[in-house]
Amino acid sequence: MINQTRTHTVEPGITIFSISGRLSLGNTLLSIESAIKKLIESGAHKLIIDLTELTYIDSAAIGMLVGSNGLIEQAGGTLRVCGAQGLVAKSFAVVHLDRILTIDADVDASTRSFAASA
């Protein structure tokens, strides 16, 4: 499966970055990490990473999510991850990622949480 990403903004100032396919160590991961870093540097302060279409994630990709969370926190923003299911959700559970990142069921839940905190 080919990785694809999509970025769009919803009100109030929430950026959604969707990733599909498989996410593992390699050039694709580096490209996605760079894209997320550019979003943060360009002023995205409410960022949702939507993994609904992601079928696999490895430890390097989980590390990238944790690192992205650190970057956005340093910039005064907040990151939410949503849509993890199947092997992705199982990987998150094994490493207790919910202790580090805010993980929501879907984009709507993430968006509602951002809107409620505004």
PDB file of N, CA and C in Angstrom:
ATOM      1  N   MET A   1       0.842  -1.179   0.000  1.00  0.00           N
ATOM      2  CA  MET A   1       0.000   0.000   0.000  1.00  0.00           C
ATOM      3  C   MET A   1       0.886   1.241   0.000  1.00  0.00           C
ATOM      4  N   ILE A   2       0.570   2.202  -0.818  1.00  0.00           N
ATOM      5  CA  ILE A   2       1.323   3.439  -0.934  1.00  0.00           C
ATOM      6  C   ILE A   2       0.870   4.405   0.147  1.00  0.00           C
ATOM      7  N   ASN A   3       1.847   5.049   0.781  1.00  0.00           N
ATOM      8  CA  ASN A   3       1.516   6.054   1.780  1.00  0.00           C
ATOM      9  C   ASN A   3       1.023   7.312   1.105  1.00  0.00           C
ATOM     10  N   GLN A   4       0.002   7.889   1.693  1.00  0.00           N
ATOM     11  CA  GLN A   4      -0.505   9.174   1.239  1.00  0.00           C
ATOM     12  C   GLN A   4      -0.761  10.041   2.456  1.00  0.00           C
ATOM     13  N   THR A   5      -0.590  11.331   2.265  1.00  0.00           N
ATOM     14  CA  THR A   5      -0.923  12.273   3.329  1.00  0.00           C
ATOM     15  C   THR A   5      -1.831  13.340   2.745  1.00  0.00           C
ATOM     16  N   ARG A   6      -2.591  13.941   3.624  1.00  0.00           N
ATOM     17  CA  ARG A   6      -3.497  15.013   3.221  1.00  0.00           C
ATOM     18  C   ARG A   6      -3.580  15.987   4.386  1.00  0.00           C
ATOM     19  N   THR A   7      -3.537  17.259   4.071  1.00  0.00           N
ATOM     20  CA  THR A   7      -3.617  18.290   5.099  1.00  0.00           C
ATOM     21  C   THR A   7      -4.764  19.237   4.771  1.00  0.00           C
ATOM     22  N   HIS A   8      -5.564  19.545   5.781  1.00  0.00           N
ATOM     23  CA  HIS A   8      -6.578  20.575   5.615  1.00  0.00           C
ATOM     24  C   HIS A   8      -6.859  21.231   6.964  1.00  0.00           C
ATOM     25  N   THR A   9      -7.471  22.395   6.897  1.00  0.00           N
ATOM     26  CA  THR A   9      -7.740  23.166   8.105  1.00  0.00           C
ATOM     27  C   THR A   9      -9.243  23.306   8.290  1.00  0.00           C
ATOM     28  N   VAL A  10      -9.685  23.168   9.541  1.00  0.00           N
ATOM     29  CA  VAL A  10     -11.081  23.385   9.896  1.00  0.00           C
ATOM     30  C   VAL A  10     -11.121  24.441  10.990  1.00  0.00           C
ATOM     31  N   GLU A  11     -12.284  25.007  11.198  1.00  0.00           N
ATOM     32  CA  GLU A  11     -12.422  26.051  12.221  1.00  0.00           C
ATOM     33  C   GLU A  11     -12.514  25.422  13.594  1.00  0.00           C
ATOM     34  N   PRO A  12     -12.046  26.041  14.609  1.00  0.00           N
ATOM     35  CA  PRO A  12     -11.318  27.296  14.652  1.00  0.00           C
ATOM     36  C   PRO A  12      -9.800  27.065  14.649  1.00  0.00           C
ATOM     37  N   GLY A  13      -9.175  27.168  13.512  1.00  0.00           N
ATOM     38  CA  GLY A  13      -7.719  27.078  13.385  1.00  0.00           C
ATOM     39  C   GLY A  13      -7.128  25.710  13.677  1.00  0.00           C
ATOM     40  N   ILE A  14      -7.853  24.661  13.349  1.00  0.00           N
ATOM     41  CA  ILE A  14      -7.383  23.292  13.600  1.00  0.00           C
ATOM     42  C   ILE A  14      -6.851  22.710  12.294  1.00  0.00           C
ATOM     43  N   THR A  15      -5.621  22.221  12.332  1.00  0.00           N
ATOM     44  CA  THR A  15      -5.011  21.588  11.165  1.00  0.00           C
ATOM     45  C   THR A  15      -5.121  20.081  11.317  1.00  0.00           C
ATOM     46  N   ILE A  16      -5.618  19.417  10.276  1.00  0.00           N
ATOM     47  CA  ILE A  16      -5.729  17.956  10.275  1.00  0.00           C
ATOM     48  C   ILE A  16      -4.749  17.409   9.256  1.00  0.00           C
ATOM     49  N   PHE A  17      -3.872  16.526   9.718  1.00  0.00           N
ATOM     50  CA  PHE A  17      -2.876  15.882   8.873  1.00  0.00           C
ATOM     51  C   PHE A  17      -3.200  14.387   8.864  1.00  0.00           C
ATOM     52  N   SER A  18      -3.682  13.887   7.732  1.00  0.00           N
ATOM     53  CA  SER A  18      -4.095  12.482   7.627  1.00  0.00           C
ATOM     54  C   SER A  18      -3.003  11.658   6.964  1.00  0.00           C
ATOM     55  N   ILE A  19      -2.773  10.470   7.488  1.00  0.00           N
ATOM     56  CA  ILE A  19      -1.766   9.551   6.946  1.00  0.00           C
ATOM     57  C   ILE A  19      -2.445   8.224   6.647  1.00  0.00           C
ATOM     58  N   SER A  20      -2.183   7.679   5.456  1.00  0.00           N
ATOM     59  CA  SER A  20      -2.725   6.360   5.116  1.00  0.00           C
ATOM     60  C   SER A  20      -1.591   5.435   4.707  1.00  0.00           C
ATOM     61  N   GLY A  21      -1.871   4.146   4.737  1.00  0.00           N
ATOM     62  CA  GLY A  21      -0.871   3.147   4.338  1.00  0.00           C
ATOM     63  C   GLY A  21      -0.141   2.561   5.527  1.00  0.00           C
ATOM     64  N   ARG A  22       1.156   2.361   5.345  1.00  0.00           N
ATOM     65  CA  ARG A  22       2.021   1.809   6.389  1.00  0.00           C
ATOM     66  C   ARG A  22       3.066   2.854   6.739  1.00  0.00           C
ATOM     67  N   LEU A  23       3.372   2.991   8.010  1.00  0.00           N
ATOM     68  CA  LEU A  23       4.330   3.993   8.439  1.00  0.00           C
ATOM     69  C   LEU A  23       5.456   3.308   9.203  1.00  0.00           C
ATOM     70  N   SER A  24       6.625   3.275   8.560  1.00  0.00           N
ATOM     71  CA  SER A  24       7.772   2.616   9.177  1.00  0.00           C
ATOM     72  C   SER A  24       9.056   3.325   8.766  1.00  0.00           C
ATOM     73  N   LEU A  25      10.143   2.945   9.421  1.00  0.00           N
ATOM     74  CA  LEU A  25      11.449   3.549   9.205  1.00  0.00           C
ATOM     75  C   LEU A  25      11.782   3.602   7.714  1.00  0.00           C
ATOM     76  N   GLY A  26      12.212   4.761   7.260  1.00  0.00           N
ATOM     77  CA  GLY A  26      12.601   4.917   5.864  1.00  0.00           C
ATOM     78  C   GLY A  26      12.331   6.326   5.367  1.00  0.00           C
ATOM     79  N   ASN A  27      12.494   6.501   4.067  1.00  0.00           N
ATOM     80  CA  ASN A  27      12.342   7.817   3.459  1.00  0.00           C
ATOM     81  C   ASN A  27      10.943   8.397   3.624  1.00  0.00           C
ATOM     82  N   THR A  28       9.926   7.549   3.553  1.00  0.00           N
ATOM     83  CA  THR A  28       8.559   8.043   3.707  1.00  0.00           C
ATOM     84  C   THR A  28       8.355   8.632   5.096  1.00  0.00           C
ATOM     85  N   LEU A  29       8.859   7.950   6.104  1.00  0.00           N
ATOM     86  CA  LEU A  29       8.734   8.456   7.471  1.00  0.00           C
ATOM     87  C   LEU A  29       9.441   9.795   7.598  1.00  0.00           C
ATOM     88  N   LEU A  30      10.624   9.917   7.019  1.00  0.00           N
ATOM     89  CA  LEU A  30      11.365  11.175   7.079  1.00  0.00           C
ATOM     90  C   LEU A  30      10.598  12.302   6.389  1.00  0.00           C
ATOM     91  N   SER A  31       9.972  11.994   5.264  1.00  0.00           N
ATOM     92  CA  SER A  31       9.179  12.996   4.545  1.00  0.00           C
ATOM     93  C   SER A  31       7.976  13.442   5.361  1.00  0.00           C
ATOM     94  N   ILE A  32       7.302  12.496   5.984  1.00  0.00           N
ATOM     95  CA  ILE A  32       6.128  12.820   6.804  1.00  0.00           C
ATOM     96  C   ILE A  32       6.553  13.623   8.026  1.00  0.00           C
ATOM     97  N   GLU A  33       7.650  13.233   8.652  1.00  0.00           N
ATOM     98  CA  GLU A  33       8.158  13.983   9.799  1.00  0.00           C
ATOM     99  C   GLU A  33       8.489  15.421   9.397  1.00  0.00           C
ATOM    100  N   SER A  34       9.106  15.586   8.252  1.00  0.00           N
ATOM    101  CA  SER A  34       9.445  16.916   7.752  1.00  0.00           C
ATOM    102  C   SER A  34       8.186  17.747   7.485  1.00  0.00           C
ATOM    103  N   ALA A  35       7.166  17.126   6.917  1.00  0.00           N
ATOM    104  CA  ALA A  35       5.907  17.830   6.632  1.00  0.00           C
ATOM    105  C   ALA A  35       5.242  18.297   7.923  1.00  0.00           C
ATOM    106  N   ILE A  36       5.242  17.450   8.950  1.00  0.00           N
ATOM    107  CA  ILE A  36       4.647  17.824  10.233  1.00  0.00           C
ATOM    108  C   ILE A  36       5.445  18.964  10.867  1.00  0.00           C
ATOM    109  N   LYS A  37       6.765  18.880  10.794  1.00  0.00           N
ATOM    110  CA  LYS A  37       7.626  19.934  11.344  1.00  0.00           C
ATOM    111  C   LYS A  37       7.350  21.267  10.643  1.00  0.00           C
ATOM    112  N   LYS A  38       7.168  21.241   9.318  1.00  0.00           N
ATOM    113  CA  LYS A  38       6.877  22.472   8.573  1.00  0.00           C
ATOM    114  C   LYS A  38       5.529  23.058   8.981  1.00  0.00           C
ATOM    115  N   LEU A  39       4.537  22.188   9.222  1.00  0.00           N
ATOM    116  CA  LEU A  39       3.237  22.674   9.687  1.00  0.00           C
ATOM    117  C   LEU A  39       3.378  23.410  11.013  1.00  0.00           C
ATOM    118  N   ILE A  40       4.138  22.829  11.915  1.00  0.00           N
ATOM    119  CA  ILE A  40       4.334  23.432  13.230  1.00  0.00           C
ATOM    120  C   ILE A  40       5.086  24.754  13.095  1.00  0.00           C
ATOM    121  N   GLU A  41       6.144  24.757  12.285  1.00  0.00           N
ATOM    122  CA  GLU A  41       6.935  25.975  12.090  1.00  0.00           C
ATOM    123  C   GLU A  41       6.132  27.073  11.407  1.00  0.00           C
ATOM    124  N   SER A  42       5.149  26.688  10.605  1.00  0.00           N
ATOM    125  CA  SER A  42       4.329  27.693   9.907  1.00  0.00           C
ATOM    126  C   SER A  42       3.164  28.183  10.759  1.00  0.00           C
ATOM    127  N   GLY A  43       3.079  27.714  11.996  1.00  0.00           N
ATOM    128  CA  GLY A  43       2.089  28.270  12.915  1.00  0.00           C
ATOM    129  C   GLY A  43       0.929  27.378  13.302  1.00  0.00           C
ATOM    130  N   ALA A  44       0.942  26.120  12.922  1.00  0.00           N
ATOM    131  CA  ALA A  44      -0.131  25.209  13.350  1.00  0.00           C
ATOM    132  C   ALA A  44       0.000  24.982  14.855  1.00  0.00           C
ATOM    133  N   HIS A  45      -1.007  25.438  15.616  1.00  0.00           N
ATOM    134  CA  HIS A  45      -0.968  25.278  17.072  1.00  0.00           C
ATOM    135  C   HIS A  45      -1.971  24.254  17.580  1.00  0.00           C
ATOM    136  N   LYS A  46      -2.920  23.892  16.746  1.00  0.00           N
ATOM    137  CA  LYS A  46      -3.887  22.841  17.072  1.00  0.00           C
ATOM    138  C   LYS A  46      -3.786  21.825  15.941  1.00  0.00           C
ATOM    139  N   LEU A  47      -3.058  20.752  16.192  1.00  0.00           N
ATOM    140  CA  LEU A  47      -2.769  19.776  15.137  1.00  0.00           C
ATOM    141  C   LEU A  47      -3.363  18.425  15.489  1.00  0.00           C
ATOM    142  N   ILE A  48      -4.130  17.874  14.546  1.00  0.00           N
ATOM    143  CA  ILE A  48      -4.685  16.528  14.676  1.00  0.00           C
ATOM    144  C   ILE A  48      -3.986  15.650  13.641  1.00  0.00           C
ATOM    145  N   ILE A  49      -3.412  14.552  14.097  1.00  0.00           N
ATOM    146  CA  ILE A  49      -2.853  13.575  13.171  1.00  0.00           C
ATOM    147  C   ILE A  49      -3.855  12.428  13.097  1.00  0.00           C
ATOM    148  N   ASP A  50      -4.472  12.311  11.925  1.00  0.00           N
ATOM    149  CA  ASP A  50      -5.525  11.323  11.695  1.00  0.00           C
ATOM    150  C   ASP A  50      -4.920  10.049  11.110  1.00  0.00           C
ATOM    151  N   LEU A  51      -5.036   8.960  11.856  1.00  0.00           N
ATOM    152  CA  LEU A  51      -4.460   7.670  11.444  1.00  0.00           C
ATOM    153  C   LEU A  51      -5.536   6.663  11.054  1.00  0.00           C
ATOM    154  N   THR A  52      -6.717   7.123  10.737  1.00  0.00           N
ATOM    155  CA  THR A  52      -7.833   6.244  10.407  1.00  0.00           C
ATOM    156  C   THR A  52      -7.487   5.275   9.282  1.00  0.00           C
ATOM    157  N   GLU A  53      -6.733   5.735   8.295  1.00  0.00           N
ATOM    158  CA  GLU A  53      -6.391   4.912   7.130  1.00  0.00           C
ATOM    159  C   GLU A  53      -5.024   4.249   7.256  1.00  0.00           C
ATOM    160  N   LEU A  54      -4.394   4.331   8.426  1.00  0.00           N
ATOM    161  CA  LEU A  54      -3.086   3.714   8.635  1.00  0.00           C
ATOM    162  C   LEU A  54      -3.267   2.255   9.040  1.00  0.00           C
ATOM    163  N   THR A  55      -2.543   1.350   8.370  1.00  0.00           N
ATOM    164  CA  THR A  55      -2.703  -0.079   8.648  1.00  0.00           C
ATOM    165  C   THR A  55      -1.558  -0.675   9.467  1.00  0.00           C
ATOM    166  N   TYR A  56      -0.420   0.037   9.541  1.00  0.00           N
ATOM    167  CA  TYR A  56       0.742  -0.487  10.274  1.00  0.00           C
ATOM    168  C   TYR A  56       1.605   0.677  10.726  1.00  0.00           C
ATOM    169  N   ILE A  57       2.193   0.552  11.912  1.00  0.00           N
ATOM    170  CA  ILE A  57       3.128   1.552  12.416  1.00  0.00           C
ATOM    171  C   ILE A  57       4.234   0.825  13.176  1.00  0.00           C
ATOM    172  N   ASP A  58       5.482   1.274  12.999  1.00  0.00           N
ATOM    173  CA  ASP A  58       6.581   0.656  13.742  1.00  0.00           C
ATOM    174  C   ASP A  58       7.085   1.617  14.821  1.00  0.00           C
ATOM    175  N   SER A  59       8.090   1.182  15.566  1.00  0.00           N
ATOM    176  CA  SER A  59       8.579   1.978  16.692  1.00  0.00           C
ATOM    177  C   SER A  59       9.190   3.302  16.246  1.00  0.00           C
ATOM    178  N   ALA A  60       9.814   3.332  15.074  1.00  0.00           N
ATOM    179  CA  ALA A  60      10.387   4.584  14.578  1.00  0.00           C
ATOM    180  C   ALA A  60       9.281   5.606  14.328  1.00  0.00           C
ATOM    181  N   ALA A  61       8.172   5.162  13.773  1.00  0.00           N
ATOM    182  CA  ALA A  61       7.047   6.062  13.503  1.00  0.00           C
ATOM    183  C   ALA A  61       6.387   6.517  14.798  1.00  0.00           C
ATOM    184  N   ILE A  62       6.293   5.626  15.773  1.00  0.00           N
ATOM    185  CA  ILE A  62       5.763   6.022  17.078  1.00  0.00           C
ATOM    186  C   ILE A  62       6.683   7.078  17.693  1.00  0.00           C
ATOM    187  N   GLY A  63       7.979   6.877  17.564  1.00  0.00           N
ATOM    188  CA  GLY A  63       8.948   7.867  18.051  1.00  0.00           C
ATOM    189  C   GLY A  63       8.775   9.209  17.360  1.00  0.00           C
ATOM    190  N   MET A  64       8.480   9.188  16.065  1.00  0.00           N
ATOM    191  CA  MET A  64       8.255  10.418  15.320  1.00  0.00           C
ATOM    192  C   MET A  64       7.032  11.155  15.858  1.00  0.00           C
ATOM    193  N   LEU A  65       5.967  10.431  16.208  1.00  0.00           N
ATOM    194  CA  LEU A  65       4.776  11.060  16.778  1.00  0.00           C
ATOM    195  C   LEU A  65       5.100  11.709  18.125  1.00  0.00           C
ATOM    196  N   VAL A  66       5.876  11.011  18.949  1.00  0.00           N
ATOM    197  CA  VAL A  66       6.266  11.554  20.252  1.00  0.00           C
ATOM    198  C   VAL A  66       7.138  12.800  20.058  1.00  0.00           C
ATOM    199  N   GLY A  67       8.069  12.731  19.117  1.00  0.00           N
ATOM    200  CA  GLY A  67       8.921  13.883  18.836  1.00  0.00           C
ATOM    201  C   GLY A  67       8.123  15.068  18.315  1.00  0.00           C
ATOM    202  N   SER A  68       7.148  14.804  17.464  1.00  0.00           N
ATOM    203  CA  SER A  68       6.287  15.871  16.940  1.00  0.00           C
ATOM    204  C   SER A  68       5.485  16.517  18.060  1.00  0.00           C
ATOM    205  N   ASN A  69       5.058  15.711  19.008  1.00  0.00           N
ATOM    206  CA  ASN A  69       4.346  16.244  20.169  1.00  0.00           C
ATOM    207  C   ASN A  69       5.249  17.206  20.943  1.00  0.00           C
ATOM    208  N   GLY A  70       6.496  16.825  21.127  1.00  0.00           N
ATOM    209  CA  GLY A  70       7.449  17.697  21.821  1.00  0.00           C
ATOM    210  C   GLY A  70       7.667  19.006  21.073  1.00  0.00           C
ATOM    211  N   LEU A  71       7.780  18.928  19.753  1.00  0.00           N
ATOM    212  CA  LEU A  71       7.976  20.135  18.944  1.00  0.00           C
ATOM    213  C   LEU A  71       6.802  21.097  19.061  1.00  0.00           C
ATOM    214  N   ILE A  72       5.602  20.567  18.958  1.00  0.00           N
ATOM    215  CA  ILE A  72       4.441  21.459  19.009  1.00  0.00           C
ATOM    216  C   ILE A  72       4.246  22.026  20.413  1.00  0.00           C
ATOM    217  N   GLU A  73       4.566  21.259  21.432  1.00  0.00           N
ATOM    218  CA  GLU A  73       4.471  21.790  22.798  1.00  0.00           C
ATOM    219  C   GLU A  73       5.463  22.930  23.000  1.00  0.00           C
ATOM    220  N   GLN A  74       6.678  22.794  22.452  1.00  0.00           N
ATOM    221  CA  GLN A  74       7.684  23.862  22.547  1.00  0.00           C
ATOM    222  C   GLN A  74       7.214  25.114  21.831  1.00  0.00           C
ATOM    223  N   ALA A  75       6.403  24.947  20.786  1.00  0.00           N
ATOM    224  CA  ALA A  75       5.885  26.079  20.019  1.00  0.00           C
ATOM    225  C   ALA A  75       4.599  26.632  20.635  1.00  0.00           C
ATOM    226  N   GLY A  76       4.173  26.070  21.757  1.00  0.00           N
ATOM    227  CA  GLY A  76       2.970  26.552  22.437  1.00  0.00           C
ATOM    228  C   GLY A  76       1.679  25.961  21.914  1.00  0.00           C
ATOM    229  N   GLY A  77       1.773  24.844  21.192  1.00  0.00           N
ATOM    230  CA  GLY A  77       0.589  24.221  20.615  1.00  0.00           C
ATOM    231  C   GLY A  77       0.251  22.888  21.247  1.00  0.00           C
ATOM    232  N   THR A  78      -0.734  22.235  20.648  1.00  0.00           N
ATOM    233  CA  THR A  78      -1.213  20.949  21.151  1.00  0.00           C
ATOM    234  C   THR A  78      -1.400  19.983  19.985  1.00  0.00           C
ATOM    235  N   LEU A  79      -1.005  18.740  20.206  1.00  0.00           N
ATOM    236  CA  LEU A  79      -1.155  17.670  19.221  1.00  0.00           C
ATOM    237  C   LEU A  79      -2.143  16.646  19.756  1.00  0.00           C
ATOM    238  N   ARG A  80      -3.044  16.197  18.890  1.00  0.00           N
ATOM    239  CA  ARG A  80      -3.951  15.092  19.214  1.00  0.00           C
ATOM    240  C   ARG A  80      -3.815  14.071  18.097  1.00  0.00           C
ATOM    241  N   VAL A  81      -3.811  12.803  18.452  1.00  0.00           N
ATOM    242  CA  VAL A  81      -3.747  11.709  17.480  1.00  0.00           C
ATOM    243  C   VAL A  81      -5.094  11.004  17.520  1.00  0.00           C
ATOM    244  N   CYS A  82      -5.617  10.642  16.347  1.00  0.00           N
ATOM    245  CA  CYS A  82      -6.919   9.980  16.344  1.00  0.00           C
ATOM    246  C   CYS A  82      -6.997   8.896  15.275  1.00  0.00           C
ATOM    247  N   GLY A  83      -7.995   8.048  15.414  1.00  0.00           N
ATOM    248  CA  GLY A  83      -8.324   7.062  14.397  1.00  0.00           C
ATOM    249  C   GLY A  83      -7.518   5.778  14.430  1.00  0.00           C
ATOM    250  N   ALA A  84      -6.680   5.587  15.425  1.00  0.00           N
ATOM    251  CA  ALA A  84      -5.874   4.363  15.487  1.00  0.00           C
ATOM    252  C   ALA A  84      -6.788   3.155  15.665  1.00  0.00           C
ATOM    253  N   GLN A  85      -6.590   2.146  14.824  1.00  0.00           N
ATOM    254  CA  GLN A  85      -7.382   0.920  14.912  1.00  0.00           C
ATOM    255  C   GLN A  85      -6.528  -0.267  14.499  1.00  0.00           C
ATOM    256  N   GLY A  86      -6.998  -1.455  14.772  1.00  0.00           N
ATOM    257  CA  GLY A  86      -6.288  -2.669  14.379  1.00  0.00           C
ATOM    258  C   GLY A  86      -4.887  -2.735  14.957  1.00  0.00           C
ATOM    259  N   LEU A  87      -3.895  -3.056  14.107  1.00  0.00           N
ATOM    260  CA  LEU A  87      -2.513  -3.195  14.550  1.00  0.00           C
ATOM    261  C   LEU A  87      -1.940  -1.891  15.088  1.00  0.00           C
ATOM    262  N   VAL A  88      -2.393  -0.780  14.550  1.00  0.00           N
ATOM    263  CA  VAL A  88      -1.908   0.522  15.018  1.00  0.00           C
ATOM    264  C   VAL A  88      -2.356   0.748  16.465  1.00  0.00           C
ATOM    265  N   ALA A  89      -3.612   0.513  16.753  1.00  0.00           N
ATOM    266  CA  ALA A  89      -4.130   0.669  18.115  1.00  0.00           C
ATOM    267  C   ALA A  89      -3.447  -0.308  19.068  1.00  0.00           C
ATOM    268  N   LYS A  90      -3.218  -1.527  18.592  1.00  0.00           N
ATOM    269  CA  LYS A  90      -2.546  -2.527  19.426  1.00  0.00           C
ATOM    270  C   LYS A  90      -1.116  -2.092  19.751  1.00  0.00           C
ATOM    271  N   SER A  91      -0.407  -1.536  18.763  1.00  0.00           N
ATOM    272  CA  SER A  91       0.950  -1.035  18.987  1.00  0.00           C
ATOM    273  C   SER A  91       0.947   0.101  20.002  1.00  0.00           C
ATOM    274  N   PHE A  92      -0.030   0.997  19.901  1.00  0.00           N
ATOM    275  CA  PHE A  92      -0.142   2.097  20.852  1.00  0.00           C
ATOM    276  C   PHE A  92      -0.373   1.565  22.262  1.00  0.00           C
ATOM    277  N   ALA A  93      -1.209   0.547  22.397  1.00  0.00           N
ATOM    278  CA  ALA A  93      -1.510  -0.022  23.709  1.00  0.00           C
ATOM    279  C   ALA A  93      -0.275  -0.676  24.318  1.00  0.00           C
ATOM    280  N   VAL A  94       0.490  -1.383  23.488  1.00  0.00           N
ATOM    281  CA  VAL A  94       1.683  -2.088  23.989  1.00  0.00           C
ATOM    282  C   VAL A  94       2.682  -1.107  24.596  1.00  0.00           C
ATOM    283  N   VAL A  95       2.863   0.049  23.966  1.00  0.00           N
ATOM    284  CA  VAL A  95       3.838   1.029  24.460  1.00  0.00           C
ATOM    285  C   VAL A  95       3.215   2.093  25.363  1.00  0.00           C
ATOM    286  N   HIS A  96       1.926   1.936  25.683  1.00  0.00           N
ATOM    287  CA  HIS A  96       1.205   2.881  26.549  1.00  0.00           C
ATOM    288  C   HIS A  96       1.337   4.317  26.026  1.00  0.00           C
ATOM    289  N   LEU A  97       1.142   4.476  24.733  1.00  0.00           N
ATOM    290  CA  LEU A  97       1.293   5.789  24.106  1.00  0.00           C
ATOM    291  C   LEU A  97       0.299   6.810  24.650  1.00  0.00           C
ATOM    292  N   ASP A  98      -0.828   6.323  25.156  1.00  0.00           N
ATOM    293  CA  ASP A  98      -1.833   7.233  25.719  1.00  0.00           C
ATOM    294  C   ASP A  98      -1.330   7.963  26.962  1.00  0.00           C
ATOM    295  N   ARG A  99      -0.218   7.529  27.530  1.00  0.00           N
ATOM    296  CA  ARG A  99       0.372   8.216  28.675  1.00  0.00           C
ATOM    297  C   ARG A  99       1.198   9.427  28.223  1.00  0.00           C
ATOM    298  N   ILE A 100       1.521   9.466  26.945  1.00  0.00           N
ATOM    299  CA  ILE A 100       2.370  10.537  26.405  1.00  0.00           C
ATOM    300  C   ILE A 100       1.582  11.459  25.485  1.00  0.00           C
ATOM    301  N   LEU A 101       0.738  10.873  24.637  1.00  0.00           N
ATOM    302  CA  LEU A 101      -0.027  11.628  23.655  1.00  0.00           C
ATOM    303  C   LEU A 101      -1.516  11.567  23.983  1.00  0.00           C
ATOM    304  N   THR A 102      -2.231  12.575  23.512  1.00  0.00           N
ATOM    305  CA  THR A 102      -3.684  12.535  23.619  1.00  0.00           C
ATOM    306  C   THR A 102      -4.205  11.786  22.400  1.00  0.00           C
ATOM    307  N   ILE A 103      -4.904  10.687  22.644  1.00  0.00           N
ATOM    308  CA  ILE A 103      -5.406   9.837  21.568  1.00  0.00           C
ATOM    309  C   ILE A 103      -6.931   9.828  21.618  1.00  0.00           C
ATOM    310  N   ASP A 104      -7.542  10.176  20.488  1.00  0.00           N
ATOM    311  CA  ASP A 104      -8.995  10.207  20.380  1.00  0.00           C
ATOM    312  C   ASP A 104      -9.473   9.129  19.414  1.00  0.00           C
ATOM    313  N   ALA A 105     -10.754   8.825  19.484  1.00  0.00           N
ATOM    314  CA  ALA A 105     -11.332   7.782  18.628  1.00  0.00           C
ATOM    315  C   ALA A 105     -11.365   8.202  17.160  1.00  0.00           C
ATOM    316  N   ASP A 106     -11.697   9.470  16.907  1.00  0.00           N
ATOM    317  CA  ASP A 106     -11.824   9.918  15.519  1.00  0.00           C
ATOM    318  C   ASP A 106     -11.609  11.421  15.427  1.00  0.00           C
ATOM    319  N   VAL A 107     -11.620  11.939  14.203  1.00  0.00           N
ATOM    320  CA  VAL A 107     -11.391  13.361  13.962  1.00  0.00           C
ATOM    321  C   VAL A 107     -12.441  14.214  14.674  1.00  0.00           C
ATOM    322  N   ASP A 108     -13.690  13.784  14.645  1.00  0.00           N
ATOM    323  CA  ASP A 108     -14.746  14.555  15.296  1.00  0.00           C
ATOM    324  C   ASP A 108     -14.478  14.729  16.790  1.00  0.00           C
ATOM    325  N   ALA A 109     -14.036  13.667  17.447  1.00  0.00           N
ATOM    326  CA  ALA A 109     -13.736  13.752  18.882  1.00  0.00           C
ATOM    327  C   ALA A 109     -12.576  14.712  19.128  1.00  0.00           C
ATOM    328  N   SER A 110     -11.548  14.651  18.299  1.00  0.00           N
ATOM    329  CA  SER A 110     -10.410  15.564  18.440  1.00  0.00           C
ATOM    330  C   SER A 110     -10.832  17.008  18.229  1.00  0.00           C
ATOM    331  N   THR A 111     -11.621  17.232  17.190  1.00  0.00           N
ATOM    332  CA  THR A 111     -12.091  18.573  16.863  1.00  0.00           C
ATOM    333  C   THR A 111     -12.960  19.136  17.995  1.00  0.00           C
ATOM    334  N   ARG A 112     -13.852  18.318  18.525  1.00  0.00           N
ATOM    335  CA  ARG A 112     -14.706  18.745  19.633  1.00  0.00           C
ATOM    336  C   ARG A 112     -13.862  19.116  20.862  1.00  0.00           C
ATOM    337  N   SER A 113     -12.822  18.333  21.131  1.00  0.00           N
ATOM    338  CA  SER A 113     -11.968  18.610  22.283  1.00  0.00           C
ATOM    339  C   SER A 113     -11.231  19.940  22.117  1.00  0.00           C
ATOM    340  N   PHE A 114     -10.736  20.202  20.908  1.00  0.00           N
ATOM    341  CA  PHE A 114     -10.089  21.483  20.659  1.00  0.00           C
ATOM    342  C   PHE A 114     -11.088  22.628  20.786  1.00  0.00           C
ATOM    343  N   ALA A 115     -12.261  22.461  20.228  1.00  0.00           N
ATOM    344  CA  ALA A 115     -13.274  23.512  20.272  1.00  0.00           C
ATOM    345  C   ALA A 115     -13.700  23.797  21.714  1.00  0.00           C
ATOM    346  N   ALA A 116     -13.799  22.747  22.528  1.00  0.00           N
ATOM    347  CA  ALA A 116     -14.212  22.909  23.914  1.00  0.00           C
ATOM    348  C   ALA A 116     -13.150  23.631  24.740  1.00  0.00           C
ATOM    349  N   SER A 117     -11.880  23.473  24.362  1.00  0.00           N
ATOM    350  CA  SER A 117     -10.802  24.111  25.130  1.00  0.00           C
ATOM    351  C   SER A 117     -10.548  25.532  24.683  1.00  0.00           C
ATOM    352  N   ALA A 118     -11.234  25.981  23.636  1.00  0.00           N
ATOM    353  CA  ALA A 118     -11.013  27.348  23.113  1.00  0.00           C
ATOM    354  C   ALA A 118     -11.673  28.395  23.983  1.00  0.00           C
TER     355      ALA A 118
END
